PDB file of N, CA and C in Angstrom:
ATOM      1  N   MET A   1      -5.395  -6.314  11.090  1.00  0.00           N
ATOM      2  CA  MET A   1      -5.253  -6.202   9.550  1.00  0.00           C
ATOM      3  C   MET A   1      -6.143  -4.060   9.933  1.00  0.00           C
ATOM      4  N   ILE A   2      -5.769  -3.673   8.988  1.00  0.00           N
ATOM      5  CA  ILE A   2      -6.034  -2.466   8.892  1.00  0.00           C
ATOM      6  C   ILE A   2      -7.046  -1.753   7.875  1.00  0.00           C
ATOM      7  N   ASN A   3      -8.314  -1.619   8.073  1.00  0.00           N
ATOM      8  CA  ASN A   3      -9.446  -1.350   6.791  1.00  0.00           C
ATOM      9  C   ASN A   3      -8.852   0.191   6.628  1.00  0.00           C
ATOM     10  N   PHE A   4      -8.688   0.274   5.280  1.00  0.00           N
ATOM     11  CA  PHE A   4      -8.285   1.441   4.777  1.00  0.00           C
ATOM     12  C   PHE A   4      -9.381   1.724   3.888  1.00  0.00           C
ATOM     13  N   LYS A   5     -10.160   3.304   4.180  1.00  0.00           N
ATOM     14  CA  LYS A   5     -11.535   3.335   3.603  1.00  0.00           C
ATOM     15  C   LYS A   5     -10.936   4.403   2.632  1.00  0.00           C
ATOM     16  N   ALA A   6     -10.719   4.407   1.037  1.00  0.00           N
ATOM     17  CA  ALA A   6     -10.686   5.480   0.471  1.00  0.00           C
ATOM     18  C   ALA A   6     -11.937   5.815  -0.888  1.00  0.00           C
ATOM     19  N   ASP A   7     -11.326   6.702  -1.228  1.00  0.00           N
ATOM     20  CA  ASP A   7     -12.127   7.859  -2.108  1.00  0.00           C
ATOM     21  C   ASP A   7     -12.322   7.139  -3.584  1.00  0.00           C
ATOM     22  N   GLY A   8     -12.425   5.989  -4.543  1.00  0.00           N
ATOM     23  CA  GLY A   8     -12.043   6.110  -5.558  1.00  0.00           C
ATOM     24  C   GLY A   8     -10.306   4.866  -5.992  1.00  0.00           C
ATOM     25  N   PHE A   9      -9.803   5.445  -5.588  1.00  0.00           N
ATOM     26  CA  PHE A   9      -8.166   4.527  -5.534  1.00  0.00           C
ATOM     27  C   PHE A   9      -7.300   5.809  -4.334  1.00  0.00           C
ATOM     28  N   ILE A  10      -6.447   4.662  -4.517  1.00  0.00           N
ATOM     29  CA  ILE A  10      -5.173   5.271  -3.761  1.00  0.00           C
ATOM     30  C   ILE A  10      -4.096   4.693  -4.417  1.00  0.00           C
ATOM     31  N   LYS A  11      -2.798   5.508  -4.324  1.00  0.00           N
ATOM     32  CA  LYS A  11      -1.592   5.085  -4.840  1.00  0.00           C
ATOM     33  C   LYS A  11      -0.567   3.795  -3.554  1.00  0.00           C
ATOM     34  N   LEU A  12      -0.061   2.820  -3.661  1.00  0.00           N
ATOM     35  CA  LEU A  12       0.460   2.208  -2.862  1.00  0.00           C
ATOM     36  C   LEU A  12       1.512   3.517  -1.961  1.00  0.00           C
ATOM     37  N   LYS A  13       2.646   3.923  -2.888  1.00  0.00           N
ATOM     38  CA  LYS A  13       3.038   4.461  -1.794  1.00  0.00           C
ATOM     39  C   LYS A  13       2.703   5.549  -0.998  1.00  0.00           C
ATOM     40  N   ASP A  14       1.364   6.297  -1.198  1.00  0.00           N
ATOM     41  CA  ASP A  14       0.508   7.323  -0.658  1.00  0.00           C
ATOM     42  C   ASP A  14      -0.272   6.358   0.565  1.00  0.00           C
ATOM     43  N   LEU A  15      -0.470   5.266   0.276  1.00  0.00           N
ATOM     44  CA  LEU A  15      -1.256   4.623   1.063  1.00  0.00           C
ATOM     45  C   LEU A  15      -0.301   3.769   2.332  1.00  0.00           C
ATOM     46  N   LEU A  16       0.921   3.776   2.117  1.00  0.00           N
ATOM     47  CA  LEU A  16       2.193   3.154   3.027  1.00  0.00           C
ATOM     48  C   LEU A  16       2.473   4.790   3.776  1.00  0.00           C
ATOM     49  N   LYS A  17       2.388   5.826   3.403  1.00  0.00           N
ATOM     50  CA  LYS A  17       2.794   6.865   3.819  1.00  0.00           C
ATOM     51  C   LYS A  17       1.584   7.343   5.074  1.00  0.00           C
ATOM     52  N   VAL A  18       0.274   7.404   4.331  1.00  0.00           N
ATOM     53  CA  VAL A  18      -1.082   7.813   5.013  1.00  0.00           C
ATOM     54  C   VAL A  18      -1.045   6.663   6.466  1.00  0.00           C
ATOM     55  N   CYS A  19      -0.553   5.309   5.960  1.00  0.00           N
ATOM     56  CA  CYS A  19      -0.922   4.526   7.382  1.00  0.00           C
ATOM     57  C   CYS A  19      -0.130   4.400   8.545  1.00  0.00           C
ATOM     58  N   ASN A  20       1.188   5.645   8.293  1.00  0.00           N
ATOM     59  CA  ASN A  20       1.987   5.297   9.134  1.00  0.00           C
ATOM     60  C   ASN A  20       2.728   4.400   9.243  1.00  0.00           C
ATOM     61  N   LEU A  21       3.153   3.772   7.953  1.00  0.00           N
ATOM     62  CA  LEU A  21       4.274   2.544   8.115  1.00  0.00           C
ATOM     63  C   LEU A  21       5.417   3.004   7.559  1.00  0.00           C
ATOM     64  N   THR A  22       5.450   4.193   6.789  1.00  0.00           N
ATOM     65  CA  THR A  22       6.802   4.939   6.529  1.00  0.00           C
ATOM     66  C   THR A  22       6.536   6.542   7.099  1.00  0.00           C
ATOM     67  N   SER A  23       7.634   6.869   7.149  1.00  0.00           N
ATOM     68  CA  SER A  23       8.017   8.026   7.549  1.00  0.00           C
ATOM     69  C   SER A  23       7.717   9.380   6.422  1.00  0.00           C
ATOM     70  N   SER A  24       8.263   8.742   5.270  1.00  0.00           N
ATOM     71  CA  SER A  24       7.753   9.949   3.999  1.00  0.00           C
ATOM     72  C   SER A  24       7.339   9.116   3.325  1.00  0.00           C
ATOM     73  N   GLY A  25       7.146   9.550   1.636  1.00  0.00           N
ATOM     74  CA  GLY A  25       6.804   9.106   0.261  1.00  0.00           C
ATOM     75  C   GLY A  25       8.179   8.896  -0.241  1.00  0.00           C
ATOM     76  N   GLY A  26       9.196   9.348   0.004  1.00  0.00           N
ATOM     77  CA  GLY A  26      10.313   8.492  -0.496  1.00  0.00           C
ATOM     78  C   GLY A  26      10.371   7.086   0.028  1.00  0.00           C
ATOM     79  N   GLU A  27      10.802   7.470   1.221  1.00  0.00           N
ATOM     80  CA  GLU A  27      10.790   5.919   2.024  1.00  0.00           C
ATOM     81  C   GLU A  27      10.057   5.104   1.512  1.00  0.00           C
ATOM     82  N   ALA A  28       8.650   5.642   1.038  1.00  0.00           N
ATOM     83  CA  ALA A  28       7.558   4.556   0.779  1.00  0.00           C
ATOM     84  C   ALA A  28       7.990   3.909  -0.825  1.00  0.00           C
ATOM     85  N   LYS A  29       8.417   4.868  -1.458  1.00  0.00           N
ATOM     86  CA  LYS A  29       9.188   4.374  -2.431  1.00  0.00           C
ATOM     87  C   LYS A  29      10.196   3.164  -2.808  1.00  0.00           C
ATOM     88  N   ASN A  30      10.902   3.359  -2.225  1.00  0.00           N
ATOM     89  CA  ASN A  30      12.404   2.899  -1.856  1.00  0.00           C
ATOM     90  C   ASN A  30      11.988   1.575  -1.043  1.00  0.00           C
ATOM     91  N   ILE A  31      11.004   0.980  -0.245  1.00  0.00           N
ATOM     92  CA  ILE A  31      10.443  -0.265   0.332  1.00  0.00           C
ATOM     93  C   ILE A  31      10.161  -0.711  -0.738  1.00  0.00           C
ATOM     94  N   ILE A  32       8.886  -0.057  -1.310  1.00  0.00           N
ATOM     95  CA  ILE A  32       8.302  -0.421  -2.604  1.00  0.00           C
ATOM     96  C   ILE A  32       8.870  -1.135  -3.910  1.00  0.00           C
ATOM     97  N   LYS A  33      10.334  -0.503  -3.687  1.00  0.00           N
ATOM     98  CA  LYS A  33      10.835  -0.711  -5.250  1.00  0.00           C
ATOM     99  C   LYS A  33      12.281  -1.729  -5.373  1.00  0.00           C
ATOM    100  N   ASN A  34      12.107  -2.300  -3.351  1.00  0.00           N
ATOM    101  CA  ASN A  34      13.406  -3.485  -3.021  1.00  0.00           C
ATOM    102  C   ASN A  34      12.295  -4.313  -2.614  1.00  0.00           C
ATOM    103  N   GLY A  35      10.749  -4.382  -3.176  1.00  0.00           N
ATOM    104  CA  GLY A  35      10.482  -5.483  -3.025  1.00  0.00           C
ATOM    105  C   GLY A  35      10.061  -6.306  -1.975  1.00  0.00           C
ATOM    106  N   GLU A  36       9.850  -5.239  -0.795  1.00  0.00           N
ATOM    107  CA  GLU A  36       9.295  -5.240   0.241  1.00  0.00           C
ATOM    108  C   GLU A  36       7.744  -5.630   0.465  1.00  0.00           C
ATOM    109  N   VAL A  37       7.015  -5.031  -0.135  1.00  0.00           N
ATOM    110  CA  VAL A  37       5.193  -4.791  -0.235  1.00  0.00           C
ATOM    111  C   VAL A  37       4.768  -5.982  -1.204  1.00  0.00           C
ATOM    112  N   LYS A  38       3.887  -6.309  -0.851  1.00  0.00           N
ATOM    113  CA  LYS A  38       3.498  -7.826  -1.359  1.00  0.00           C
ATOM    114  C   LYS A  38       1.660  -6.919  -1.740  1.00  0.00           C
ATOM    115  N   LEU A  39       1.339  -6.717  -3.144  1.00  0.00           N
ATOM    116  CA  LEU A  39       0.074  -6.572  -3.469  1.00  0.00           C
ATOM    117  C   LEU A  39      -1.118  -7.757  -4.023  1.00  0.00           C
ATOM    118  N   ASN A  40      -1.805  -8.078  -3.359  1.00  0.00           N
ATOM    119  CA  ASN A  40      -2.912  -9.401  -3.833  1.00  0.00           C
ATOM    120  C   ASN A  40      -2.009 -10.515  -3.563  1.00  0.00           C
ATOM    121  N   SER A  41      -1.103 -10.514  -2.395  1.00  0.00           N
ATOM    122  CA  SER A  41       0.028 -12.215  -2.517  1.00  0.00           C
ATOM    123  C   SER A  41       1.014 -11.829  -3.393  1.00  0.00           C
ATOM    124  N   LYS A  42       0.944 -11.292  -4.728  1.00  0.00           N
ATOM    125  CA  LYS A  42       2.133 -10.725  -5.416  1.00  0.00           C
ATOM    126  C   LYS A  42       3.220  -9.773  -4.492  1.00  0.00           C
ATOM    127  N   ILE A  43       4.148  -9.945  -5.171  1.00  0.00           N
ATOM    128  CA  ILE A  43       5.484  -8.749  -4.715  1.00  0.00           C
ATOM    129  C   ILE A  43       4.945  -7.356  -5.993  1.00  0.00           C
ATOM    130  N   CYS A  44       4.772  -6.772  -5.483  1.00  0.00           N
ATOM    131  CA  CYS A  44       4.884  -5.226  -6.389  1.00  0.00           C
ATOM    132  C   CYS A  44       5.822  -4.320  -6.201  1.00  0.00           C
ATOM    133  N   ILE A  45       6.246  -3.809  -7.043  1.00  0.00           N
ATOM    134  CA  ILE A  45       7.585  -2.512  -7.102  1.00  0.00           C
ATOM    135  C   ILE A  45       7.074  -1.541  -8.076  1.00  0.00           C
ATOM    136  N   SER A  46       5.988  -1.127  -7.633  1.00  0.00           N
ATOM    137  CA  SER A  46       5.737   0.324  -8.703  1.00  0.00           C
ATOM    138  C   SER A  46       4.320   1.481  -7.787  1.00  0.00           C
ATOM    139  N   PRO A  47       5.396   1.727  -7.094  1.00  0.00           N
ATOM    140  CA  PRO A  47       5.248   2.853  -6.017  1.00  0.00           C
ATOM    141  C   PRO A  47       3.893   3.270  -6.486  1.00  0.00           C
ATOM    142  N   GLY A  48       3.942   3.291  -8.355  1.00  0.00           N
ATOM    143  CA  GLY A  48       2.377   4.363  -7.873  1.00  0.00           C
ATOM    144  C   GLY A  48       1.086   3.467  -8.486  1.00  0.00           C
ATOM    145  N   LYS A  49       1.102   2.381  -8.275  1.00  0.00           N
ATOM    146  CA  LYS A  49       0.042   1.498  -8.346  1.00  0.00           C
ATOM    147  C   LYS A  49      -1.008   1.980  -7.518  1.00  0.00           C
ATOM    148  N   LYS A  50      -2.187   1.936  -8.892  1.00  0.00           N
ATOM    149  CA  LYS A  50      -4.154   2.561  -8.056  1.00  0.00           C
ATOM    150  C   LYS A  50      -4.539   1.261  -7.544  1.00  0.00           C
ATOM    151  N   LEU A  51      -4.786   1.704  -6.298  1.00  0.00           N
ATOM    152  CA  LEU A  51      -5.072   0.356  -5.349  1.00  0.00           C
ATOM    153  C   LEU A  51      -6.658   0.825  -5.376  1.00  0.00           C
ATOM    154  N   TYR A  52      -7.665  -0.281  -5.648  1.00  0.00           N
ATOM    155  CA  TYR A  52      -9.002  -0.175  -5.610  1.00  0.00           C
ATOM    156  C   TYR A  52     -10.065  -1.319  -4.328  1.00  0.00           C
ATOM    157  N   ASN A  53     -10.752  -1.077  -4.887  1.00  0.00           N
ATOM    158  CA  ASN A  53     -11.987  -1.714  -3.811  1.00  0.00           C
ATOM    159  C   ASN A  53     -11.297  -3.316  -3.473  1.00  0.00           C
ATOM    160  N   ASN A  54     -11.103  -4.031  -2.018  1.00  0.00           N
ATOM    161  CA  ASN A  54     -11.246  -5.093  -1.955  1.00  0.00           C
ATOM    162  C   ASN A  54      -9.313  -5.546  -2.381  1.00  0.00           C
ATOM    163  N   ASP A  55      -8.464  -4.792  -2.317  1.00  0.00           N
ATOM    164  CA  ASP A  55      -7.048  -4.916  -3.161  1.00  0.00           C
ATOM    165  C   ASP A  55      -6.357  -5.366  -1.317  1.00  0.00           C
ATOM    166  N   ILE A  56      -5.860  -6.106  -1.627  1.00  0.00           N
ATOM    167  CA  ILE A  56      -4.728  -6.357  -0.043  1.00  0.00           C
ATOM    168  C   ILE A  56      -3.490  -6.129  -0.518  1.00  0.00           C
ATOM    169  N   VAL A  57      -2.800  -5.197   0.496  1.00  0.00           N
ATOM    170  CA  VAL A  57      -1.448  -4.543   0.497  1.00  0.00           C
ATOM    171  C   VAL A  57      -1.252  -5.548   2.100  1.00  0.00           C
ATOM    172  N   GLU A  58       0.449  -6.019   1.523  1.00  0.00           N
ATOM    173  CA  GLU A  58       1.060  -6.959   3.155  1.00  0.00           C
ATOM    174  C   GLU A  58       2.330  -5.680   2.805  1.00  0.00           C
ATOM    175  N   TYR A  59       3.056  -5.850   3.847  1.00  0.00           N
ATOM    176  CA  TYR A  59       4.266  -5.050   4.246  1.00  0.00           C
ATOM    177  C   TYR A  59       4.534  -5.076   5.725  1.00  0.00           C
ATOM    178  N   GLY A  60       5.740  -5.512   5.866  1.00  0.00           N
ATOM    179  CA  GLY A  60       5.949  -6.709   7.222  1.00  0.00           C
ATOM    180  C   GLY A  60       5.012  -7.403   8.107  1.00  0.00           C
ATOM    181  N   GLU A  61       4.668  -7.319   9.100  1.00  0.00           N
ATOM    182  CA  GLU A  61       4.076  -7.553   9.916  1.00  0.00           C
ATOM    183  C   GLU A  61       2.221  -7.066   9.351  1.00  0.00           C
ATOM    184  N   GLU A  62       1.959  -6.207   8.576  1.00  0.00           N
ATOM    185  CA  GLU A  62       0.473  -5.072   8.499  1.00  0.00           C
ATOM    186  C   GLU A  62      -0.059  -5.488   7.073  1.00  0.00           C
ATOM    187  N   ILE A  63      -1.206  -5.893   7.031  1.00  0.00           N
ATOM    188  CA  ILE A  63      -2.389  -6.583   6.192  1.00  0.00           C
ATOM    189  C   ILE A  63      -2.873  -4.997   6.395  1.00  0.00           C
ATOM    190  N   ILE A  64      -3.350  -4.451   5.127  1.00  0.00           N
ATOM    191  CA  ILE A  64      -4.291  -3.533   4.709  1.00  0.00           C
ATOM    192  C   ILE A  64      -5.494  -4.143   3.810  1.00  0.00           C
ATOM    193  N   LYS A  65      -6.386  -3.849   3.915  1.00  0.00           N
ATOM    194  CA  LYS A  65      -7.072  -3.964   3.010  1.00  0.00           C
ATOM    195  C   LYS A  65      -7.771  -2.559   2.482  1.00  0.00           C
ATOM    196  N   ILE A  66      -8.152  -2.117   1.498  1.00  0.00           N
ATOM    197  CA  ILE A  66      -8.402  -1.325   0.744  1.00  0.00           C
ATOM    198  C   ILE A  66     -10.117  -1.582   0.542  1.00  0.00           C
ATOM    199  N   ASN A  67     -10.857  -0.774   1.059  1.00  0.00           N
ATOM    200  CA  ASN A  67     -12.354  -0.565   0.739  1.00  0.00           C
ATOM    201  C   ASN A  67     -12.693   1.219   0.350  1.00  0.00           C
ATOM    202  N   VAL A  68     -13.502   0.636  -0.517  1.00  0.00           N
ATOM    203  CA  VAL A  68     -13.456   1.671  -1.581  1.00  0.00           C
ATOM    204  C   VAL A  68     -15.336   2.334  -1.273  1.00  0.00           C
ATOM    205  N   ASP A  69     -15.537   4.035  -1.027  1.00  0.00           N
ATOM    206  CA  ASP A  69     -16.591   3.948  -0.942  1.00  0.00           C
ATOM    207  C   ASP A  69     -17.624   4.216  -2.362  1.00  0.00           C
TER     208      ASP A  69
END
């Protein structure tokens, strides 16, 4: 599990890019729109979805928990 610290919020597509799970924001957007990413155990197809404290993102074998300062 990756614990990601954010200031306020981060968008889903930006999270995948920052965590090096995709090589670009465009790739992240396509992966999300194809239904390959889960947010809090539900498929999320909104690349611009804002993530907040304790949200959990799943992509492939990776699990990312959002921690807001």
